[in-house]
C-alpha cells in the first residue's frame, strides 16, 4: 500500500476546512509557507490540483472536494482507534496535570511508590498553573485546587483546605519571639501570588479569625508559587500562611513550626479530576486509587482531614 505524505494530508485537511492557508497555519502552529509547500507536494504526489488560488479567496477544485471527505473519515477513524487503544492497560503513558507547587512539595516525593507498584505505567507529569484540558487531549488525570466544579469533569475531594501560619523554628526565639498574633508585626508576612490571582488571599481572613484584623504589618513578601513561599518560610524570611498539603511534610520533619494553633477552614480544597468515564482506563484508575491511598497515609502522619 503506497501512502501519500501524511503531514501534507494533515495540512490539506486543515486548509480545506478553513479555506485558508493562514488559518491552517495558525491552527497547526506553522508558517503560511509551510502549509503552501506541503500542499504543493501533495498535489504533485497526487497529480491533481486540490485548490484554486484566487487573488482574494481560496477554494477547492473538484478533485479537492472529492478528496476531502475520505481524508476526514480516515482522520476520524484514526482518532477513534487511538482513543480506544488508550483504554487498554499500558495503552500509552499516563499524563498527570498538577500545580507546580503541589507537584514539587507533595507529589514528586511520593511518585517512587507508584512506579514500584505499577512499573508497567509510564508517567508524565505536567506541572502547570494552567487548566489543562483533561480526558480529551494528552492529559489523563489532574490534581486541581478550587471548589470542585469544573465543567465536563468528574472531581473527587482529596483534601479539604485549611490555612495557618508557619515559620522557621528560629523565629520562635530572638528579640521578638512569636508568642501571639500581635507579634507578627515584627515579621514580614509571606504570601502566594497565585492565591491572590484566584481571589484566595487568606491572610486577611486568618487575621480576622484570631481577632487582629487591623494589625499593622510589615510589607508582604510575595512569591508566584507556593513552594517558593514555603521555602522562604523555612529560610526564616518571614511567616507564611500555609496549609497541610504544602507544609505538612516540612512540619513533620521540623523544618517548619506552627507558631499558633489557630487555623481557618476553607470551602476550597484539592481535588482529583478526570474526564467522564476516565476510570474505565486502567492506568487512570490505578493512579486515582494510589493517590487516595497516599492521602490516607498523609492524613495519619499529619492529622489532616478530608472534610
C-alpha atoms as a PDB file:
ATOM      1  CA  UNK A   1       0.000   0.000   0.000  1.00  0.00           C
ATOM      2  CA  UNK A   2       1.507   3.284  -1.113  1.00  0.00           C
ATOM      3  CA  UNK A   3       0.536   6.151   1.195  1.00  0.00           C
ATOM      4  CA  UNK A   4       0.717   9.868   0.439  1.00  0.00           C
ATOM      5  CA  UNK A   5       2.868  12.130   2.665  1.00  0.00           C
ATOM      6  CA  UNK A   6       0.750  12.155   5.826  1.00  0.00           C
ATOM      7  CA  UNK A   7       1.925  15.537   7.054  1.00  0.00           C
ATOM      8  CA  UNK A   8       0.833  17.037   3.756  1.00  0.00           C
ATOM      9  CA  UNK A   9      -2.557  15.320   4.056  1.00  0.00           C
ATOM     10  CA  UNK A  10      -2.997  16.768   7.559  1.00  0.00           C
ATOM     11  CA  UNK A  11      -2.170  20.225   6.264  1.00  0.00           C
ATOM     12  CA  UNK A  12      -4.598  19.773   3.382  1.00  0.00           C
ATOM     13  CA  UNK A  13      -7.455  18.818   5.719  1.00  0.00           C
ATOM     14  CA  UNK A  14      -6.935  21.899   7.871  1.00  0.00           C
ATOM     15  CA  UNK A  15      -6.606  24.267   4.905  1.00  0.00           C
ATOM     16  CA  UNK A  16      -9.674  22.736   3.225  1.00  0.00           C
ATOM     17  CA  UNK A  17     -11.722  23.054   6.403  1.00  0.00           C
ATOM     18  CA  UNK A  18     -10.797  26.709   6.856  1.00  0.00           C
ATOM     19  CA  UNK A  19     -10.446  27.531   3.144  1.00  0.00           C
ATOM     20  CA  UNK A  20      -7.411  29.493   4.275  1.00  0.00           C
ATOM     21  CA  UNK A  21      -3.708  28.716   4.389  1.00  0.00           C
ATOM     22  CA  UNK A  22      -3.283  31.399   7.066  1.00  0.00           C
ATOM     23  CA  UNK A  23      -5.878  29.905   9.424  1.00  0.00           C
ATOM     24  CA  UNK A  24      -4.473  26.430   8.861  1.00  0.00           C
ATOM     25  CA  UNK A  25      -1.008  27.729   9.731  1.00  0.00           C
ATOM     26  CA  UNK A  26      -2.359  29.248  12.956  1.00  0.00           C
ATOM     27  CA  UNK A  27      -4.145  26.020  13.890  1.00  0.00           C
ATOM     28  CA  UNK A  28      -1.100  23.841  13.273  1.00  0.00           C
ATOM     29  CA  UNK A  29       1.418  26.366  14.668  1.00  0.00           C
ATOM     30  CA  UNK A  30       3.456  26.505  11.452  1.00  0.00           C
ATOM     31  CA  UNK A  31       4.137  29.160   8.844  1.00  0.00           C
ATOM     32  CA  UNK A  32       1.973  30.038   5.864  1.00  0.00           C
ATOM     33  CA  UNK A  33       4.786  28.946   3.566  1.00  0.00           C
ATOM     34  CA  UNK A  34       4.960  25.545   5.287  1.00  0.00           C
ATOM     35  CA  UNK A  35       1.277  24.958   4.526  1.00  0.00           C
ATOM     36  CA  UNK A  36       1.743  26.063   0.916  1.00  0.00           C
ATOM     37  CA  UNK A  37       4.834  23.887   0.474  1.00  0.00           C
ATOM     38  CA  UNK A  38       3.198  20.753   1.896  1.00  0.00           C
ATOM     39  CA  UNK A  39       0.038  21.136  -0.168  1.00  0.00           C
ATOM     40  CA  UNK A  40       2.057  21.680  -3.315  1.00  0.00           C
ATOM     41  CA  UNK A  41       3.974  18.491  -2.526  1.00  0.00           C
ATOM     42  CA  UNK A  42       0.682  16.610  -2.032  1.00  0.00           C
ATOM     43  CA  UNK A  43      -0.709  17.932  -5.317  1.00  0.00           C
ATOM     44  CA  UNK A  44       2.446  16.776  -7.097  1.00  0.00           C
ATOM     45  CA  UNK A  45       2.182  13.350  -5.459  1.00  0.00           C
ATOM     46  CA  UNK A  46      -1.499  13.022  -6.464  1.00  0.00           C
ATOM     47  CA  UNK A  47      -1.017  14.579  -9.860  1.00  0.00           C
ATOM     48  CA  UNK A  48      -4.012  16.918  -9.460  1.00  0.00           C
ATOM     49  CA  UNK A  49      -4.664  20.413  -8.167  1.00  0.00           C
ATOM     50  CA  UNK A  50      -6.600  20.497  -4.915  1.00  0.00           C
ATOM     51  CA  UNK A  51      -7.113  24.243  -4.540  1.00  0.00           C
ATOM     52  CA  UNK A  52      -7.982  27.142  -6.778  1.00  0.00           C
ATOM     53  CA  UNK A  53      -5.857  30.016  -5.545  1.00  0.00           C
ATOM     54  CA  UNK A  54      -7.695  33.255  -6.267  1.00  0.00           C
ATOM     55  CA  UNK A  55      -6.456  36.751  -5.570  1.00  0.00           C
ATOM     56  CA  UNK A  56      -8.713  37.141  -2.546  1.00  0.00           C
ATOM     57  CA  UNK A  57     -10.149  33.699  -1.873  1.00  0.00           C
ATOM     58  CA  UNK A  58      -9.153  30.064  -1.702  1.00  0.00           C
ATOM     59  CA  UNK A  59     -11.495  27.359  -2.954  1.00  0.00           C
ATOM     60  CA  UNK A  60     -11.393  23.631  -3.540  1.00  0.00           C
ATOM     61  CA  UNK A  61     -11.187  22.197  -7.022  1.00  0.00           C
ATOM     62  CA  UNK A  62     -13.460  19.325  -7.991  1.00  0.00           C
ATOM     63  CA  UNK A  63     -10.601  16.956  -7.106  1.00  0.00           C
ATOM     64  CA  UNK A  64     -10.172  18.683  -3.729  1.00  0.00           C
ATOM     65  CA  UNK A  65     -13.885  18.366  -2.945  1.00  0.00           C
ATOM     66  CA  UNK A  66     -13.783  14.656  -3.751  1.00  0.00           C
ATOM     67  CA  UNK A  67     -10.596  14.090  -1.764  1.00  0.00           C
ATOM     68  CA  UNK A  68     -11.691  15.866   1.440  1.00  0.00           C
ATOM     69  CA  UNK A  69     -14.478  13.509   2.742  1.00  0.00           C
ATOM     70  CA  UNK A  70     -12.376  10.308   2.741  1.00  0.00           C
ATOM     71  CA  UNK A  71      -9.454  12.222   4.284  1.00  0.00           C
ATOM     72  CA  UNK A  72     -11.680  13.462   7.098  1.00  0.00           C
ATOM     73  CA  UNK A  73     -13.128   9.968   7.589  1.00  0.00           C
ATOM     74  CA  UNK A  74      -9.641   8.494   7.779  1.00  0.00           C
ATOM     75  CA  UNK A  75      -8.514  11.012  10.416  1.00  0.00           C
ATOM     76  CA  UNK A  76     -11.703  10.415  12.406  1.00  0.00           C
ATOM     77  CA  UNK A  77     -11.185   6.662  12.289  1.00  0.00           C
ATOM     78  CA  UNK A  78      -7.565   7.090  13.369  1.00  0.00           C
ATOM     79  CA  UNK A  79      -8.600   9.310  16.296  1.00  0.00           C
ATOM     80  CA  UNK A  80     -11.260   6.829  17.443  1.00  0.00           C
ATOM     81  CA  UNK A  81      -8.906   3.866  17.174  1.00  0.00           C
ATOM     82  CA  UNK A  82      -6.233   5.723  19.122  1.00  0.00           C
ATOM     83  CA  UNK A  83      -8.706   6.693  21.841  1.00  0.00           C
ATOM     84  CA  UNK A  84      -9.814   3.062  22.112  1.00  0.00           C
ATOM     85  CA  UNK A  85      -6.237   1.885  22.489  1.00  0.00           C
ATOM     86  CA  UNK A  86      -5.724   4.314  25.381  1.00  0.00           C
ATOM     87  CA  UNK A  87      -8.382   2.376  27.315  1.00  0.00           C
ATOM     88  CA  UNK A  88      -6.194  -0.723  27.436  1.00  0.00           C
ATOM     89  CA  UNK A  89      -3.768  -1.307  30.347  1.00  0.00           C
ATOM     90  CA  UNK A  90      -0.466   0.191  29.389  1.00  0.00           C
ATOM     91  CA  UNK A  91      -2.120   1.942  26.437  1.00  0.00           C
ATOM     92  CA  UNK A  92       0.155   4.944  26.230  1.00  0.00           C
ATOM     93  CA  UNK A  93       1.722   6.972  29.014  1.00  0.00           C
ATOM     94  CA  UNK A  94      -0.262   8.357  31.938  1.00  0.00           C
ATOM     95  CA  UNK A  95      -0.095  12.149  31.906  1.00  0.00           C
ATOM     96  CA  UNK A  96      -0.878  13.901  35.186  1.00  0.00           C
ATOM     97  CA  UNK A  97      -1.502  17.640  35.444  1.00  0.00           C
ATOM     98  CA  UNK A  98      -0.907  19.414  38.764  1.00  0.00           C
ATOM     99  CA  UNK A  99       0.126  22.784  40.126  1.00  0.00           C
ATOM    100  CA  UNK A 100       3.916  23.224  40.218  1.00  0.00           C
ATOM    101  CA  UNK A 101       3.985  23.782  43.990  1.00  0.00           C
ATOM    102  CA  UNK A 102       1.887  20.716  44.741  1.00  0.00           C
ATOM    103  CA  UNK A 103       3.995  18.693  42.322  1.00  0.00           C
ATOM    104  CA  UNK A 104       7.315  19.587  43.953  1.00  0.00           C
ATOM    105  CA  UNK A 105       6.212  19.582  47.599  1.00  0.00           C
ATOM    106  CA  UNK A 106       3.851  16.618  47.685  1.00  0.00           C
ATOM    107  CA  UNK A 107       3.542  14.561  44.502  1.00  0.00           C
ATOM    108  CA  UNK A 108       7.118  14.015  43.331  1.00  0.00           C
ATOM    109  CA  UNK A 109       8.406  12.794  46.732  1.00  0.00           C
ATOM    110  CA  UNK A 110       5.781  10.027  46.583  1.00  0.00           C
ATOM    111  CA  UNK A 111       5.998   9.012  42.916  1.00  0.00           C
ATOM    112  CA  UNK A 112       8.618   6.322  43.536  1.00  0.00           C
ATOM    113  CA  UNK A 113       5.956   4.308  45.358  1.00  0.00           C
ATOM    114  CA  UNK A 114       3.609   4.469  42.360  1.00  0.00           C
ATOM    115  CA  UNK A 115       6.370   3.403  39.984  1.00  0.00           C
ATOM    116  CA  UNK A 116       7.227   0.498  42.260  1.00  0.00           C
ATOM    117  CA  UNK A 117       3.616  -0.645  42.362  1.00  0.00           C
ATOM    118  CA  UNK A 118       2.940  -0.042  38.651  1.00  0.00           C
ATOM    119  CA  UNK A 119       6.182  -0.416  36.696  1.00  0.00           C
ATOM    120  CA  UNK A 120       4.152  -1.066  33.520  1.00  0.00           C
ATOM    121  CA  UNK A 121       2.751   2.506  33.508  1.00  0.00           C
ATOM    122  CA  UNK A 122       4.872   5.295  32.076  1.00  0.00           C
ATOM    123  CA  UNK A 123       4.150   8.510  33.993  1.00  0.00           C
ATOM    124  CA  UNK A 124       4.412  12.007  32.589  1.00  0.00           C
ATOM    125  CA  UNK A 125       3.939  14.980  34.897  1.00  0.00           C
ATOM    126  CA  UNK A 126       2.658  18.284  33.535  1.00  0.00           C
ATOM    127  CA  UNK A 127       3.438  20.816  36.283  1.00  0.00           C
ATOM    128  CA  UNK A 128       1.491  23.874  35.249  1.00  0.00           C
ATOM    129  CA  UNK A 129      -0.743  26.598  36.649  1.00  0.00           C
ATOM    130  CA  UNK A 130      -2.898  26.416  33.517  1.00  0.00           C
ATOM    131  CA  UNK A 131      -6.127  24.448  33.471  1.00  0.00           C
ATOM    132  CA  UNK A 132      -5.011  21.761  31.047  1.00  0.00           C
ATOM    133  CA  UNK A 133      -7.818  20.021  29.138  1.00  0.00           C
ATOM    134  CA  UNK A 134      -8.278  16.674  30.878  1.00  0.00           C
ATOM    135  CA  UNK A 135      -9.666  13.500  29.365  1.00  0.00           C
ATOM    136  CA  UNK A 136      -9.925  14.855  25.834  1.00  0.00           C
ATOM    137  CA  UNK A 137      -6.313  15.610  24.972  1.00  0.00           C
ATOM    138  CA  UNK A 138      -2.927  14.483  26.224  1.00  0.00           C
ATOM    139  CA  UNK A 139      -3.735  14.835  29.953  1.00  0.00           C
ATOM    140  CA  UNK A 140      -5.435  11.849  31.598  1.00  0.00           C
ATOM    141  CA  UNK A 141      -5.934  12.974  35.201  1.00  0.00           C
ATOM    142  CA  UNK A 142      -5.203  16.038  37.278  1.00  0.00           C
ATOM    143  CA  UNK A 143      -4.974  17.459  40.783  1.00  0.00           C
ATOM    144  CA  UNK A 144      -6.642  20.850  40.989  1.00  0.00           C
ATOM    145  CA  UNK A 145      -7.260  23.401  43.684  1.00  0.00           C
ATOM    146  CA  UNK A 146     -10.648  25.023  43.971  1.00  0.00           C
ATOM    147  CA  UNK A 147     -14.233  24.282  44.874  1.00  0.00           C
ATOM    148  CA  UNK A 148     -14.689  21.086  42.871  1.00  0.00           C
ATOM    149  CA  UNK A 149     -16.650  22.479  39.965  1.00  0.00           C
ATOM    150  CA  UNK A 150     -15.058  22.098  36.536  1.00  0.00           C
ATOM    151  CA  UNK A 151     -17.424  21.608  33.578  1.00  0.00           C
ATOM    152  CA  UNK A 152     -17.160  18.244  31.864  1.00  0.00           C
ATOM    153  CA  UNK A 153     -15.001  16.679  34.576  1.00  0.00           C
ATOM    154  CA  UNK A 154     -15.579  14.336  37.495  1.00  0.00           C
ATOM    155  CA  UNK A 155     -13.988  15.741  40.662  1.00  0.00           C
ATOM    156  CA  UNK A 156     -13.323  13.886  43.917  1.00  0.00           C
ATOM    157  CA  UNK A 157     -12.218  15.733  47.036  1.00  0.00           C
ATOM    158  CA  UNK A 158      -8.710  14.733  48.031  1.00  0.00           C
ATOM    159  CA  UNK A 159      -8.166  17.132  50.929  1.00  0.00           C
ATOM    160  CA  UNK A 160     -10.299  19.981  52.261  1.00  0.00           C
ATOM    161  CA  UNK A 161      -8.137  23.026  52.829  1.00  0.00           C
ATOM    162  CA  UNK A 162      -7.418  24.979  55.962  1.00  0.00           C
ATOM    163  CA  UNK A 163      -4.726  27.598  56.369  1.00  0.00           C
ATOM    164  CA  UNK A 164      -2.473  28.523  59.279  1.00  0.00           C
ATOM    165  CA  UNK A 165       0.797  30.407  59.817  1.00  0.00           C
ATOM    166  CA  UNK A 166       4.084  28.507  59.517  1.00  0.00           C
ATOM    167  CA  UNK A 167       7.631  29.686  60.096  1.00  0.00           C
ATOM    168  CA  UNK A 168      11.185  28.614  60.802  1.00  0.00           C
ATOM    169  CA  UNK A 169      11.788  27.384  64.382  1.00  0.00           C
ATOM    170  CA  UNK A 170      14.340  30.180  64.824  1.00  0.00           C
ATOM    171  CA  UNK A 171      11.562  32.785  64.648  1.00  0.00           C
ATOM    172  CA  UNK A 172      10.253  31.397  67.923  1.00  0.00           C
ATOM    173  CA  UNK A 173      13.370  32.796  69.610  1.00  0.00           C
ATOM    174  CA  UNK A 174      15.347  36.035  69.447  1.00  0.00           C
ATOM    175  CA  UNK A 175      14.422  39.596  70.470  1.00  0.00           C
ATOM    176  CA  UNK A 176      10.842  39.308  69.133  1.00  0.00           C
ATOM    177  CA  UNK A 177       9.737  35.700  69.563  1.00  0.00           C
ATOM    178  CA  UNK A 178       6.382  34.713  68.130  1.00  0.00           C
ATOM    179  CA  UNK A 179       4.012  34.171  71.010  1.00  0.00           C
ATOM    180  CA  UNK A 180       0.767  35.881  69.995  1.00  0.00           C
ATOM    181  CA  UNK A 181      -0.670  37.077  66.658  1.00  0.00           C
ATOM    182  CA  UNK A 182       0.323  40.624  67.615  1.00  0.00           C
ATOM    183  CA  UNK A 183       3.972  39.547  67.400  1.00  0.00           C
ATOM    184  CA  UNK A 184       3.514  39.189  63.636  1.00  0.00           C
ATOM    185  CA  UNK A 185       4.044  42.958  63.455  1.00  0.00           C
ATOM    186  CA  UNK A 186       7.785  42.283  63.796  1.00  0.00           C
ATOM    187  CA  UNK A 187       7.977  39.987  60.752  1.00  0.00           C
ATOM    188  CA  UNK A 188       7.170  40.053  57.075  1.00  0.00           C
ATOM    189  CA  UNK A 189       4.125  38.103  56.009  1.00  0.00           C
ATOM    190  CA  UNK A 190       4.821  35.770  53.098  1.00  0.00           C
ATOM    191  CA  UNK A 191       2.028  35.089  50.647  1.00  0.00           C
ATOM    192  CA  UNK A 192       1.299  33.368  47.370  1.00  0.00           C
ATOM    193  CA  UNK A 193       0.558  35.424  44.261  1.00  0.00           C
ATOM    194  CA  UNK A 194      -1.337  32.503  42.698  1.00  0.00           C
ATOM    195  CA  UNK A 195      -3.809  32.516  45.575  1.00  0.00           C
ATOM    196  CA  UNK A 196      -4.302  36.267  45.188  1.00  0.00           C
ATOM    197  CA  UNK A 197      -4.903  35.985  41.448  1.00  0.00           C
ATOM    198  CA  UNK A 198      -7.550  33.358  42.121  1.00  0.00           C
ATOM    199  CA  UNK A 199      -9.100  35.554  44.832  1.00  0.00           C
ATOM    200  CA  UNK A 200      -7.829  33.245  47.568  1.00  0.00           C
ATOM    201  CA  UNK A 201      -5.876  35.812  49.645  1.00  0.00           C
ATOM    202  CA  UNK A 202      -6.237  34.193  53.043  1.00  0.00           C
ATOM    203  CA  UNK A 203      -4.106  36.372  55.358  1.00  0.00           C
ATOM    204  CA  UNK A 204      -6.950  38.894  55.984  1.00  0.00           C
ATOM    205  CA  UNK A 205      -9.309  36.026  56.774  1.00  0.00           C
ATOM    206  CA  UNK A 206      -6.888  34.429  59.226  1.00  0.00           C
ATOM    207  CA  UNK A 207      -6.158  37.746  60.993  1.00  0.00           C
ATOM    208  CA  UNK A 208      -9.877  38.443  61.308  1.00  0.00           C
ATOM    209  CA  UNK A 209     -10.455  34.954  62.719  1.00  0.00           C
ATOM    210  CA  UNK A 210      -7.912  35.499  65.523  1.00  0.00           C
ATOM    211  CA  UNK A 211      -9.214  38.964  66.361  1.00  0.00           C
ATOM    212  CA  UNK A 212      -6.423  41.020  64.791  1.00  0.00           C
ATOM    213  CA  UNK A 213      -7.938  42.416  61.555  1.00  0.00           C
ATOM    214  CA  UNK A 214      -6.327  45.867  61.949  1.00  0.00           C
ATOM    215  CA  UNK A 215      -2.864  44.690  62.983  1.00  0.00           C
ATOM    216  CA  UNK A 216      -0.227  46.961  61.443  1.00  0.00           C
ATOM    217  CA  UNK A 217       2.015  44.657  59.456  1.00  0.00           C
ATOM    218  CA  UNK A 218       5.286  44.895  57.586  1.00  0.00           C
ATOM    219  CA  UNK A 219       5.311  44.868  53.779  1.00  0.00           C
ATOM    220  CA  UNK A 220       4.364  41.459  52.484  1.00  0.00           C
ATOM    221  CA  UNK A 221       6.843  39.215  50.691  1.00  0.00           C
ATOM    222  CA  UNK A 222       5.059  37.586  47.761  1.00  0.00           C
ATOM    223  CA  UNK A 223       6.011  34.633  45.537  1.00  0.00           C
ATOM    224  CA  UNK A 224       4.299  33.370  42.423  1.00  0.00           C
ATOM    225  CA  UNK A 225       4.440  29.728  43.542  1.00  0.00           C
ATOM    226  CA  UNK A 226       3.535  28.259  46.896  1.00  0.00           C
ATOM    227  CA  UNK A 227       6.612  26.034  47.114  1.00  0.00           C
ATOM    228  CA  UNK A 228       8.789  29.156  46.987  1.00  0.00           C
ATOM    229  CA  UNK A 229       6.656  30.703  49.710  1.00  0.00           C
ATOM    230  CA  UNK A 230       7.173  27.632  51.902  1.00  0.00           C
ATOM    231  CA  UNK A 231      10.923  27.624  51.232  1.00  0.00           C
ATOM    232  CA  UNK A 232      11.134  31.306  52.192  1.00  0.00           C
ATOM    233  CA  UNK A 233       9.462  30.464  55.492  1.00  0.00           C
ATOM    234  CA  UNK A 234      11.904  27.597  56.073  1.00  0.00           C
ATOM    235  CA  UNK A 235      14.775  30.027  55.452  1.00  0.00           C
ATOM    236  CA  UNK A 236      13.431  32.449  58.070  1.00  0.00           C
ATOM    237  CA  UNK A 237      12.437  35.262  55.722  1.00  0.00           C
ATOM    238  CA  UNK A 238       9.101  35.733  57.457  1.00  0.00           C
ATOM    239  CA  UNK A 239       5.871  33.977  58.334  1.00  0.00           C
ATOM    240  CA  UNK A 240       3.890  32.192  55.613  1.00  0.00           C
ATOM    241  CA  UNK A 241       0.265  31.249  55.605  1.00  0.00           C
ATOM    242  CA  UNK A 242       0.478  27.638  54.547  1.00  0.00           C
ATOM    243  CA  UNK A 243      -1.680  24.560  54.532  1.00  0.00           C
ATOM    244  CA  UNK A 244      -1.262  20.913  55.374  1.00  0.00           C
ATOM    245  CA  UNK A 245      -0.812  19.786  51.768  1.00  0.00           C
ATOM    246  CA  UNK A 246       2.161  22.058  51.099  1.00  0.00           C
ATOM    247  CA  UNK A 247       3.680  22.380  54.563  1.00  0.00           C
ATOM    248  CA  UNK A 248       2.771  19.043  56.157  1.00  0.00           C
ATOM    249  CA  UNK A 249       5.977  17.176  55.295  1.00  0.00           C
ATOM    250  CA  UNK A 250       8.195  20.070  56.415  1.00  0.00           C
ATOM    251  CA  UNK A 251       6.252  20.382  59.675  1.00  0.00           C
ATOM    252  CA  UNK A 252       6.761  16.671  60.306  1.00  0.00           C
ATOM    253  CA  UNK A 253      10.495  16.967  59.608  1.00  0.00           C
ATOM    254  CA  UNK A 254      10.867  20.005  61.865  1.00  0.00           C
ATOM    255  CA  UNK A 255      11.828  22.391  59.081  1.00  0.00           C
ATOM    256  CA  UNK A 256       8.743  24.431  59.953  1.00  0.00           C
ATOM    257  CA  UNK A 257       6.649  25.012  63.053  1.00  0.00           C
ATOM    258  CA  UNK A 258       3.173  26.354  63.662  1.00  0.00           C
ATOM    259  CA  UNK A 259       3.592  29.370  65.985  1.00  0.00           C
ATOM    260  CA  UNK A 260      -0.167  29.450  66.659  1.00  0.00           C
ATOM    261  CA  UNK A 261      -2.720  26.658  66.692  1.00  0.00           C
ATOM    262  CA  UNK A 262      -5.426  28.812  65.090  1.00  0.00           C
ATOM    263  CA  UNK A 263      -6.446  27.807  61.587  1.00  0.00           C
ATOM    264  CA  UNK A 264      -9.157  28.839  59.144  1.00  0.00           C
ATOM    265  CA  UNK A 265     -11.175  26.145  57.416  1.00  0.00           C
ATOM    266  CA  UNK A 266     -11.977  26.995  53.801  1.00  0.00           C
ATOM    267  CA  UNK A 267     -14.539  25.984  51.226  1.00  0.00           C
ATOM    268  CA  UNK A 268     -11.714  25.174  48.810  1.00  0.00           C
ATOM    269  CA  UNK A 269      -9.573  22.087  48.578  1.00  0.00           C
ATOM    270  CA  UNK A 270      -7.505  19.752  46.432  1.00  0.00           C
ATOM    271  CA  UNK A 271      -9.414  17.544  44.023  1.00  0.00           C
ATOM    272  CA  UNK A 272      -8.625  14.596  41.795  1.00  0.00           C
ATOM    273  CA  UNK A 273     -10.213  15.345  38.397  1.00  0.00           C
ATOM    274  CA  UNK A 274     -10.643  13.230  35.282  1.00  0.00           C
ATOM    275  CA  UNK A 275     -12.842  13.096  32.221  1.00  0.00           C
ATOM    276  CA  UNK A 276     -16.263  11.456  32.199  1.00  0.00           C
ATOM    277  CA  UNK A 277     -15.680   7.724  32.096  1.00  0.00           C
ATOM    278  CA  UNK A 278     -11.990   8.226  32.778  1.00  0.00           C
ATOM    279  CA  UNK A 279     -11.856   5.458  35.381  1.00  0.00           C
ATOM    280  CA  UNK A 280     -12.534   2.923  32.622  1.00  0.00           C
ATOM    281  CA  UNK A 281      -8.871   3.367  31.757  1.00  0.00           C
ATOM    282  CA  UNK A 282      -6.818   1.060  33.943  1.00  0.00           C
ATOM    283  CA  UNK A 283      -3.920   3.497  34.215  1.00  0.00           C
ATOM    284  CA  UNK A 284      -6.195   6.353  35.352  1.00  0.00           C
ATOM    285  CA  UNK A 285      -7.941   4.196  37.943  1.00  0.00           C
ATOM    286  CA  UNK A 286      -4.588   2.888  39.185  1.00  0.00           C
ATOM    287  CA  UNK A 287      -3.307   6.421  39.751  1.00  0.00           C
ATOM    288  CA  UNK A 288      -6.567   7.602  41.320  1.00  0.00           C
ATOM    289  CA  UNK A 289      -6.632   4.669  43.760  1.00  0.00           C
ATOM    290  CA  UNK A 290      -2.945   5.088  44.573  1.00  0.00           C
ATOM    291  CA  UNK A 291      -3.205   8.788  45.325  1.00  0.00           C
ATOM    292  CA  UNK A 292      -6.128   8.260  47.682  1.00  0.00           C
ATOM    293  CA  UNK A 293      -4.057   5.626  49.455  1.00  0.00           C
ATOM    294  CA  UNK A 294      -1.209   8.112  49.754  1.00  0.00           C
ATOM    295  CA  UNK A 295      -3.603  10.690  51.154  1.00  0.00           C
ATOM    296  CA  UNK A 296      -4.764   8.276  53.855  1.00  0.00           C
ATOM    297  CA  UNK A 297      -1.157   7.771  54.947  1.00  0.00           C
ATOM    298  CA  UNK A 298      -0.555  11.518  54.796  1.00  0.00           C
ATOM    299  CA  UNK A 299      -3.599  12.199  56.953  1.00  0.00           C
ATOM    300  CA  UNK A 300      -2.421   9.756  59.595  1.00  0.00           C
ATOM    301  CA  UNK A 301       1.019  11.404  59.647  1.00  0.00           C
ATOM    302  CA  UNK A 302      -0.221  14.998  59.769  1.00  0.00           C
ATOM    303  CA  UNK A 303      -3.681  14.801  61.330  1.00  0.00           C
ATOM    304  CA  UNK A 304      -5.246  16.392  58.252  1.00  0.00           C
ATOM    305  CA  UNK A 305      -8.909  15.821  57.471  1.00  0.00           C
ATOM    306  CA  UNK A 306     -10.542  15.376  54.101  1.00  0.00           C
ATOM    307  CA  UNK A 307     -13.540  17.484  55.073  1.00  0.00           C
END
